C-alpha cells in the first residue's frame, strides 16, 4: 500500500512524504559500503550505518531495506514484553501488550519507512531494557552497553541526546550498591561514542559538532508551528533563505549557531507566543499519534489517543509504591514533553510515546484481574476469555482488510 508496488519506492517517497531524506540515506549507505568517507554534518552517520549494515545482509534495494527494518521492529516485540513485566503487568497481559505493539500500524507499518525515526522506537525500547537490567543486576558492563547503545542512538536521532538524563535516574533507582560505578560506566561509554563523532568532525571540518548542524534550523522552524505575524515558518526553504540572507550556508556549523540564536531571540521577543506553542505541542504529544502509516485499527488508535494519558495516570497510581515501575511508565512521555515539546514537534519524532500507553493498559488489566481473582476466579476467567476473543476477532478483521487493500493495489488507504 505504501510504495511497495511502485516501480521506484524512492520516487514514490518523494511525492508522498519526506522522500528526499530517504533518497539521501540510501545514497550515503551505498557510499559507506564502497568505503567512501562520511563527511556530512547535517545528518549524523547512525542511520546511514544501519542501512549500510542491513544492505550487506538483506540487499541494498529500498524494498529490501524496508523488509529488514520490519524484521528489526519485529524483534522489538520481545522488548515491549520485558518492559511490560517490569512495569508491573502479569505475564499474560505483558504478552497482550507485546501483541498490540506487533500489529498496530503505528509501529508495524511505521517501521517500513526509510527514515531514522522508523528505528527510533526500537532504539529506545532496547535502551530501557538494558538500563533496567543494569539497575536490577548491578552490572557495570550492562550499564556501559546501554551507554554505547544510546550514544549510537543519538547518531541516529540527535533528539535522543538528553535521554541520558532519565537513563541515569533509572540507574539510580536500582539497587543501592554499585550505583556510582554503574552511572560512571554508562556516562563514560555514552560520552565516548558522542565524543568520537565530535572528534571526527573536528579533524574533518575544523569544528566541534557532536550531533547535527540541523538543530538550529529545526528550533527556528518550531516557532512556526502555528500561523504568526513574526515570520516563523515550518519550511526548510524559509530557513535556508534566512541563513543565506545573513551569509550562512545551509547545514554549516556557523549557520546552525545563527539559527539557534534566532530561536532564542524568538523566545526573548515573544515569550507568550512561544509558551502557547509549548502547550500546543504538549497536547499533540499526549493525545495524537503519527498518521504516516495505514489508517487501519481506527478504534484501537482512537482509544490510545483519547484514553492513553488517563490510563497512564491510573497505572502510575496503581504502581506508586514501586519507583522503578513508575519511572518506566512515565519516562517516554515525560522525555518527549521535556525535549521535543519545548522545541519542534512532528508526530514521527514521538512515535515512542504510545508505547507507554500500552504498558499502562497492561498494568491496569493485570491489577483488575488480580483484584477479581480475590473475589471470583470463575468470573475473571470468563471476562478474560471474552476480552481476548473480542481482541482476536477485531485484530483478524483489521488484518484481513489490510491484506485485501494491499492485494487490490491501493497505494494509500
Protein backbone atom coordinates (compact mmCIF):
# COMPACT_ATOMS: atom_id res chain seq x y z
CA UNK A 1 0.00 0.00 0.00
CA UNK A 2 2.83 2.39 0.80
CA UNK A 3 5.10 2.32 -2.21
CA UNK A 4 5.69 -1.42 -2.23
CA UNK A 5 4.17 -1.91 -5.68
CA UNK A 6 5.70 1.17 -7.30
CA UNK A 7 8.49 0.91 -9.90
CA UNK A 8 10.64 3.12 -7.68
CA UNK A 9 10.00 3.41 -3.97
CA UNK A 10 12.22 6.48 -3.71
CA UNK A 11 10.29 8.26 -6.47
CA UNK A 12 7.06 7.40 -4.68
CA UNK A 13 8.53 8.66 -1.39
CA UNK A 14 9.48 11.99 -2.99
CA UNK A 15 5.80 12.53 -3.75
CA UNK A 16 4.13 11.12 -0.66
CA UNK A 17 6.31 12.02 2.31
CA UNK A 18 9.80 13.23 3.29
CA UNK A 19 11.28 11.26 0.41
CA UNK A 20 14.28 13.48 -0.20
CA UNK A 21 15.64 12.40 3.17
CA UNK A 22 15.16 8.73 2.28
CA UNK A 23 16.98 9.21 -1.01
CA UNK A 24 19.89 10.84 0.85
CA UNK A 25 20.13 8.00 3.37
CA UNK A 26 20.09 5.25 0.72
CA UNK A 27 22.69 7.07 -1.37
CA UNK A 28 25.01 7.61 1.60
CA UNK A 29 24.62 4.00 2.76
CA UNK A 30 25.77 2.80 -0.66
CA UNK A 31 28.72 5.19 -0.49
CA UNK A 32 29.58 3.93 3.00
CA UNK A 33 29.70 0.35 1.72
CA UNK A 34 32.02 1.47 -1.07
CA UNK A 35 34.41 2.75 1.58
CA UNK A 36 33.85 6.44 0.90
CA UNK A 37 34.34 8.74 3.92
CA UNK A 38 31.27 10.20 5.59
CA UNK A 39 31.59 14.00 5.61
CA UNK A 40 28.03 15.27 6.09
CA UNK A 41 27.44 17.49 9.12
CA UNK A 42 23.70 17.93 8.73
CA UNK A 43 22.84 14.27 9.34
CA UNK A 44 24.95 12.22 11.77
CA UNK A 45 26.00 8.81 10.42
CA UNK A 46 23.98 6.48 12.66
CA UNK A 47 21.10 5.70 10.33
CA UNK A 48 23.42 5.50 7.33
CA UNK A 49 25.44 2.85 9.19
CA UNK A 50 22.23 0.95 9.97
CA UNK A 51 21.14 0.93 6.32
CA UNK A 52 24.64 0.05 5.14
CA UNK A 53 24.75 -2.91 7.52
CA UNK A 54 21.28 -4.06 6.51
CA UNK A 55 22.16 -3.84 2.83
CA UNK A 56 25.07 -6.23 3.33
CA UNK A 57 22.72 -8.77 4.89
CA UNK A 58 19.42 -8.24 3.08
CA UNK A 59 20.40 -6.34 -0.08
CA UNK A 60 20.66 -2.67 -0.89
CA UNK A 61 17.41 -2.06 -2.76
CA UNK A 62 14.91 0.14 -0.89
CA UNK A 63 12.30 -2.62 -0.62
CA UNK A 64 14.92 -4.99 0.81
CA UNK A 65 15.92 -2.37 3.35
CA UNK A 66 12.29 -1.82 4.33
CA UNK A 67 11.80 -5.54 4.95
CA UNK A 68 14.96 -5.60 7.05
CA UNK A 69 13.66 -2.71 9.16
CA UNK A 70 10.37 -4.55 9.65
CA UNK A 71 12.35 -7.55 10.90
CA UNK A 72 14.24 -5.37 13.38
CA UNK A 73 10.99 -3.91 14.66
CA UNK A 74 9.52 -7.41 14.99
CA UNK A 75 12.31 -8.33 17.41
CA UNK A 76 11.33 -5.28 19.47
CA UNK A 77 8.05 -7.02 20.33
CA UNK A 78 10.08 -9.05 22.85
CA UNK A 79 11.47 -5.85 24.36
CA UNK A 80 7.96 -4.49 24.88
CA UNK A 81 7.04 -7.70 26.71
CA UNK A 82 10.03 -7.29 29.04
CA UNK A 83 9.16 -3.67 29.79
CA UNK A 84 5.52 -4.56 30.49
CA UNK A 85 6.60 -7.16 33.05
CA UNK A 86 8.97 -4.71 34.74
CA UNK A 87 6.23 -2.06 34.75
CA UNK A 88 4.06 -4.42 36.79
CA UNK A 89 1.97 -6.40 34.31
CA UNK A 90 1.48 -10.13 34.74
CA UNK A 91 2.91 -12.37 32.03
CA UNK A 92 -0.37 -12.86 30.08
CA UNK A 93 -1.11 -9.13 29.97
CA UNK A 94 2.51 -8.32 29.13
CA UNK A 95 2.10 -10.71 26.21
CA UNK A 96 -1.05 -8.80 25.23
CA UNK A 97 0.89 -5.52 25.27
CA UNK A 98 3.53 -7.07 23.03
CA UNK A 99 0.79 -8.28 20.68
CA UNK A 100 -0.64 -4.76 20.44
CA UNK A 101 2.79 -3.42 19.53
CA UNK A 102 3.15 -6.20 16.96
CA UNK A 103 0.01 -5.45 14.95
CA UNK A 104 -0.72 -1.72 15.24
CA UNK A 105 0.29 0.08 12.01
CA UNK A 106 1.67 2.95 14.10
CA UNK A 107 4.74 0.77 14.65
CA UNK A 108 4.34 -2.20 12.30
CA UNK A 109 3.86 -0.17 9.13
CA UNK A 110 5.73 2.81 10.56
CA UNK A 111 8.86 0.69 10.71
CA UNK A 112 8.98 0.36 6.91
CA UNK A 113 9.64 3.99 6.00
CA UNK A 114 13.27 4.75 5.19
CA UNK A 115 13.55 7.41 7.86
CA UNK A 116 15.68 7.49 11.00
CA UNK A 117 12.50 7.78 13.07
CA UNK A 118 11.46 4.32 11.87
CA UNK A 119 14.02 2.69 14.15
CA UNK A 120 13.72 5.29 16.90
CA UNK A 121 11.20 3.23 18.87
CA UNK A 122 13.33 0.03 18.82
CA UNK A 123 16.35 2.08 19.93
CA UNK A 124 14.54 3.48 22.97
CA UNK A 125 12.75 0.23 23.88
CA UNK A 126 16.01 -1.73 23.99
CA UNK A 127 17.78 1.14 25.73
CA UNK A 128 15.22 0.89 28.53
CA UNK A 129 15.58 -2.90 28.65
CA UNK A 130 19.35 -2.51 29.07
CA UNK A 131 19.05 0.23 31.68
CA UNK A 132 16.52 -1.73 33.75
CA UNK A 133 18.69 -4.84 33.51
CA UNK A 134 21.75 -2.87 34.64
CA UNK A 135 19.82 -1.32 37.55
CA UNK A 136 18.45 -4.65 38.75
CA UNK A 137 21.61 -6.73 38.34
CA UNK A 138 24.10 -4.05 39.39
CA UNK A 139 26.01 -4.80 36.20
CA UNK A 140 28.56 -2.19 35.19
CA UNK A 141 29.03 -3.97 31.87
CA UNK A 142 25.34 -3.74 31.05
CA UNK A 143 25.35 -0.05 32.01
CA UNK A 144 28.29 0.50 29.66
CA UNK A 145 26.48 -1.34 26.86
CA UNK A 146 23.44 0.87 27.47
CA UNK A 147 25.70 3.92 27.19
CA UNK A 148 27.15 2.75 23.88
CA UNK A 149 23.67 1.89 22.59
CA UNK A 150 22.27 5.31 23.49
CA UNK A 151 25.34 7.05 22.08
CA UNK A 152 24.77 5.31 18.78
CA UNK A 153 21.05 6.14 19.06
CA UNK A 154 21.96 9.84 19.23
CA UNK A 155 23.84 9.42 15.95
CA UNK A 156 20.59 8.08 14.51
CA UNK A 157 18.22 10.58 16.14
CA UNK A 158 20.01 13.63 17.64
CA UNK A 159 16.95 14.47 19.76
CA UNK A 160 17.80 11.42 21.91
CA UNK A 161 20.84 13.26 23.31
CA UNK A 162 19.20 14.25 26.59
CA UNK A 163 17.72 10.79 27.13
CA UNK A 164 20.95 10.13 29.05
CA UNK A 165 19.45 12.10 31.95
CA UNK A 166 16.39 9.88 32.59
CA UNK A 167 18.56 6.82 31.92
CA UNK A 168 20.84 7.84 34.78
CA UNK A 169 17.80 8.40 37.01
CA UNK A 170 16.60 4.85 36.32
CA UNK A 171 20.05 3.54 37.20
CA UNK A 172 19.92 5.43 40.50
CA UNK A 173 16.53 3.91 41.30
CA UNK A 174 18.08 0.43 41.15
CA UNK A 175 19.69 -1.46 43.97
CA UNK A 176 21.75 0.70 46.33
CA UNK A 177 25.13 -0.98 45.78
CA UNK A 178 27.40 -0.09 42.88
CA UNK A 179 25.28 2.84 41.73
CA UNK A 180 28.29 5.10 41.29
CA UNK A 181 30.19 2.60 39.16
CA UNK A 182 27.15 1.89 37.01
CA UNK A 183 26.45 5.55 36.36
CA UNK A 184 30.12 6.16 35.65
CA UNK A 185 30.26 3.23 33.21
CA UNK A 186 27.14 4.48 31.43
CA UNK A 187 28.32 8.10 31.19
CA UNK A 188 31.83 7.18 30.01
CA UNK A 189 30.55 4.78 27.34
CA UNK A 190 27.89 7.24 26.16
CA UNK A 191 30.35 10.14 26.07
CA UNK A 192 32.93 8.05 24.19
CA UNK A 193 30.55 7.45 21.28
CA UNK A 194 29.39 11.07 21.07
CA UNK A 195 32.94 12.31 21.60
CA UNK A 196 34.25 10.15 18.77
CA UNK A 197 31.80 11.77 16.35
CA UNK A 198 32.71 15.24 17.63
CA UNK A 199 36.43 14.48 17.25
CA UNK A 200 35.86 13.22 13.70
CA UNK A 201 34.14 16.49 12.80
CA UNK A 202 36.93 18.47 14.43
CA UNK A 203 39.53 16.69 12.32
CA UNK A 204 37.50 16.65 9.10
CA UNK A 205 35.86 20.07 9.26
CA UNK A 206 37.68 22.02 11.96
CA UNK A 207 34.56 22.34 14.13
CA UNK A 208 33.25 20.50 17.17
CA UNK A 209 29.85 19.06 16.20
CA UNK A 210 28.56 16.29 18.45
CA UNK A 211 25.14 15.73 16.92
CA UNK A 212 23.93 17.68 13.87
CA UNK A 213 24.16 21.10 12.29
CA UNK A 214 20.43 20.97 11.54
CA UNK A 215 19.31 21.55 15.10
CA UNK A 216 19.26 25.32 14.90
CA UNK A 217 17.08 25.33 11.80
CA UNK A 218 14.68 22.88 13.43
CA UNK A 219 14.48 25.06 16.54
CA UNK A 220 13.65 28.13 14.46
CA UNK A 221 11.05 26.25 12.41
CA UNK A 222 9.45 25.08 15.65
CA UNK A 223 8.36 28.67 16.24
CA UNK A 224 6.34 28.47 13.03
CA UNK A 225 4.10 25.57 14.02
CA UNK A 226 1.11 27.91 14.17
CA UNK A 227 0.26 30.87 11.92
CA UNK A 228 2.03 34.01 13.13
CA UNK A 229 2.97 37.53 12.11
CA UNK A 230 6.62 37.17 13.16
CA UNK A 231 7.96 35.48 10.03
CA UNK A 232 8.44 31.98 11.50
CA UNK A 233 7.51 29.02 9.30
CA UNK A 234 7.86 25.25 9.32
CA UNK A 235 9.64 25.38 5.99
CA UNK A 236 13.21 24.35 5.19
CA UNK A 237 13.24 26.76 2.26
CA UNK A 238 12.33 29.70 4.50
CA UNK A 239 15.03 28.74 7.00
CA UNK A 240 17.51 28.35 4.15
CA UNK A 241 16.68 31.81 2.79
CA UNK A 242 17.09 33.38 6.23
CA UNK A 243 20.55 31.87 6.59
CA UNK A 244 21.57 32.95 3.09
CA UNK A 245 20.39 36.48 3.80
CA UNK A 246 22.87 36.66 6.67
CA UNK A 247 25.67 34.98 4.73
CA UNK A 248 25.48 31.47 6.19
CA UNK A 249 25.40 28.18 4.31
CA UNK A 250 22.70 25.59 4.93
CA UNK A 251 23.99 22.82 7.17
CA UNK A 252 27.08 24.73 8.28
CA UNK A 253 28.18 24.99 11.90
CA UNK A 254 28.03 28.80 11.74
CA UNK A 255 24.56 28.67 10.22
CA UNK A 256 23.45 26.30 12.96
CA UNK A 257 24.65 28.68 15.66
CA UNK A 258 22.96 31.60 13.92
CA UNK A 259 19.60 29.80 13.73
CA UNK A 260 19.88 28.79 17.36
CA UNK A 261 20.37 32.44 18.28
CA UNK A 262 17.32 33.35 16.18
CA UNK A 263 15.30 30.74 18.08
CA UNK A 264 16.41 32.14 21.45
CA UNK A 265 15.68 35.64 20.17
CA UNK A 266 12.15 34.48 19.31
CA UNK A 267 11.64 33.27 22.87
CA UNK A 268 13.00 36.55 24.23
CA UNK A 269 10.90 38.75 21.95
CA UNK A 270 7.66 36.73 22.01
CA UNK A 271 7.62 34.66 25.22
CA UNK A 272 3.85 34.25 25.48
CA UNK A 273 3.65 33.08 21.88
CA UNK A 274 6.45 30.58 22.49
CA UNK A 275 4.77 29.30 25.66
CA UNK A 276 1.49 28.80 23.79
CA UNK A 277 3.40 26.67 21.31
CA UNK A 278 4.74 24.54 24.16
CA UNK A 279 1.17 23.94 25.36
CA UNK A 280 0.05 23.08 21.84
CA UNK A 281 2.90 20.60 21.42
CA UNK A 282 2.10 19.02 24.78
CA UNK A 283 -1.48 18.33 23.73
CA UNK A 284 -0.36 16.89 20.42
CA UNK A 285 2.30 14.70 22.01
CA UNK A 286 -0.06 13.27 24.61
CA UNK A 287 -3.28 12.99 22.62
CA UNK A 288 -2.41 12.34 18.98
CA UNK A 289 -0.27 9.80 17.18
CA UNK A 290 1.62 9.67 13.91
CA UNK A 291 -0.53 9.30 10.78
CA UNK A 292 2.35 8.33 8.47
CA UNK A 293 1.08 4.75 8.11
CA UNK A 294 -2.11 2.91 7.02
CA UNK A 295 -5.24 4.11 8.78
CA UNK A 296 -6.38 0.72 9.99
CA UNK A 297 -7.16 -0.32 13.57
CA UNK A 298 -9.03 3.01 13.98
CA UNK A 299 -10.75 2.08 17.24
CA UNK A 300 -7.50 0.97 18.84
CA UNK A 301 -5.81 4.14 17.69
CA UNK A 302 -8.62 6.37 18.96
CA UNK A 303 -8.53 4.57 22.30
CA UNK A 304 -4.78 5.11 22.65
CA UNK A 305 -5.01 8.76 21.64
CA UNK A 306 -8.04 9.65 23.74
CA UNK A 307 -7.55 7.44 26.80
CA UNK A 308 -3.82 6.79 26.81
CA UNK A 309 -2.84 9.59 29.16
CA UNK A 310 -5.68 8.77 31.58
CA UNK A 311 -4.62 5.09 31.58
CA UNK A 312 -1.05 6.17 32.22
CA UNK A 313 -2.07 8.26 35.22
CA UNK A 314 -4.12 5.38 36.63
CA UNK A 315 -1.28 2.90 36.11
CA UNK A 316 1.15 5.22 37.88
CA UNK A 317 -1.24 5.43 40.83
CA UNK A 318 -1.56 1.63 40.93
CA UNK A 319 2.23 1.18 40.90
CA UNK A 320 3.01 4.23 43.06
CA UNK A 321 4.91 2.15 45.65
CA UNK A 322 7.35 0.80 43.05
CA UNK A 323 9.69 3.60 41.88
CA UNK A 324 11.12 1.50 39.05
CA UNK A 325 7.67 0.76 37.62
CA UNK A 326 6.62 4.41 37.88
CA UNK A 327 9.82 5.57 36.19
CA UNK A 328 9.39 3.07 33.38
CA UNK A 329 5.77 4.12 32.80
CA UNK A 330 6.41 7.86 32.63
CA UNK A 331 9.89 8.08 31.11
CA UNK A 332 8.86 8.13 27.44
CA UNK A 333 6.06 10.75 27.55
CA UNK A 334 7.92 12.93 30.05
CA UNK A 335 11.03 12.86 27.89
CA UNK A 336 9.00 13.76 24.81
CA UNK A 337 7.43 16.72 26.61
CA UNK A 338 10.78 17.92 28.01
CA UNK A 339 12.62 17.67 24.69
CA UNK A 340 10.53 17.75 21.52
CA UNK A 341 7.74 19.51 23.39
CA UNK A 342 9.94 22.54 24.03
CA UNK A 343 11.37 22.97 20.57
CA UNK A 344 9.88 21.48 17.41
CA UNK A 345 7.18 18.83 17.11
CA UNK A 346 6.41 16.45 14.30
CA UNK A 347 4.34 13.31 15.00
CA UNK A 348 7.01 10.96 13.63
CA UNK A 349 9.50 12.30 16.19
CA UNK A 350 7.50 10.99 19.16
CA UNK A 351 6.17 7.68 17.85
CA UNK A 352 7.53 6.14 21.04
CA UNK A 353 5.06 7.89 23.39
CA UNK A 354 2.10 5.47 22.88
CA UNK A 355 4.39 2.60 23.95
CA UNK A 356 3.91 3.96 27.48
CA UNK A 357 0.15 3.78 26.99
CA UNK A 358 0.13 0.10 26.06
CA UNK A 359 2.39 -0.64 29.04
CA UNK A 360 -0.07 1.25 31.25
CA UNK A 361 -3.05 -0.64 29.85
CA UNK A 362 -1.31 -3.95 30.61
CA UNK A 363 -0.64 -2.81 34.18
CA UNK A 364 -4.28 -1.79 34.66
CA UNK A 365 -5.60 -5.05 33.20
CA UNK A 366 -3.29 -7.03 35.49
CA UNK A 367 -4.46 -5.06 38.53
CA UNK A 368 -8.12 -5.61 37.66
CA UNK A 369 -7.53 -9.31 37.09
CA UNK A 370 -5.63 -9.63 40.37
CA UNK A 371 -8.41 -7.84 42.26
CA UNK A 372 -11.03 -10.02 40.61
CA UNK A 373 -9.20 -13.24 41.41
CA UNK A 374 -9.51 -12.43 45.07
CA UNK A 375 -13.27 -12.24 44.57
CA UNK A 376 -14.21 -14.78 41.91
CA UNK A 377 -11.80 -16.84 39.86
CA UNK A 378 -14.53 -18.09 37.55
CA UNK A 379 -15.81 -14.60 36.72
CA UNK A 380 -12.32 -13.32 35.98
CA UNK A 381 -11.67 -16.31 33.74
CA UNK A 382 -14.86 -15.74 31.74
CA UNK A 383 -14.28 -11.99 31.36
CA UNK A 384 -10.66 -12.53 30.34
CA UNK A 385 -11.71 -15.10 27.77
CA UNK A 386 -14.34 -12.76 26.31
CA UNK A 387 -11.94 -9.81 26.14
CA UNK A 388 -9.30 -11.98 24.48
CA UNK A 389 -11.81 -13.34 21.97
CA UNK A 390 -13.05 -9.84 21.06
CA UNK A 391 -9.48 -8.60 20.64
CA UNK A 392 -8.61 -11.55 18.41
CA UNK A 393 -11.72 -11.07 16.26
CA UNK A 394 -11.07 -7.33 15.91
CA UNK A 395 -7.43 -7.91 15.04
CA UNK A 396 -8.29 -10.60 12.50
CA UNK A 397 -10.86 -8.35 10.83
CA UNK A 398 -8.38 -5.47 10.52
CA UNK A 399 -5.56 -7.68 9.23
CA UNK A 400 -7.86 -9.20 6.60
CA UNK A 401 -8.85 -5.70 5.46
CA UNK A 402 -5.20 -4.63 5.29
CA UNK A 403 -4.36 -7.66 3.17
CA UNK A 404 -7.32 -7.02 0.85
CA UNK A 405 -6.33 -3.37 0.41
CA UNK A 406 -2.73 -4.33 -0.36
CA UNK A 407 -3.73 -7.00 -2.88
CA UNK A 408 -6.09 -4.61 -4.65
CA UNK A 409 -3.17 -2.32 -5.46
CA UNK A 410 -4.29 0.58 -3.30
CA UNK A 411 -1.30 2.82 -2.63
CA UNK A 412 -2.99 4.94 0.02
CA UNK A 413 -5.93 3.98 2.26
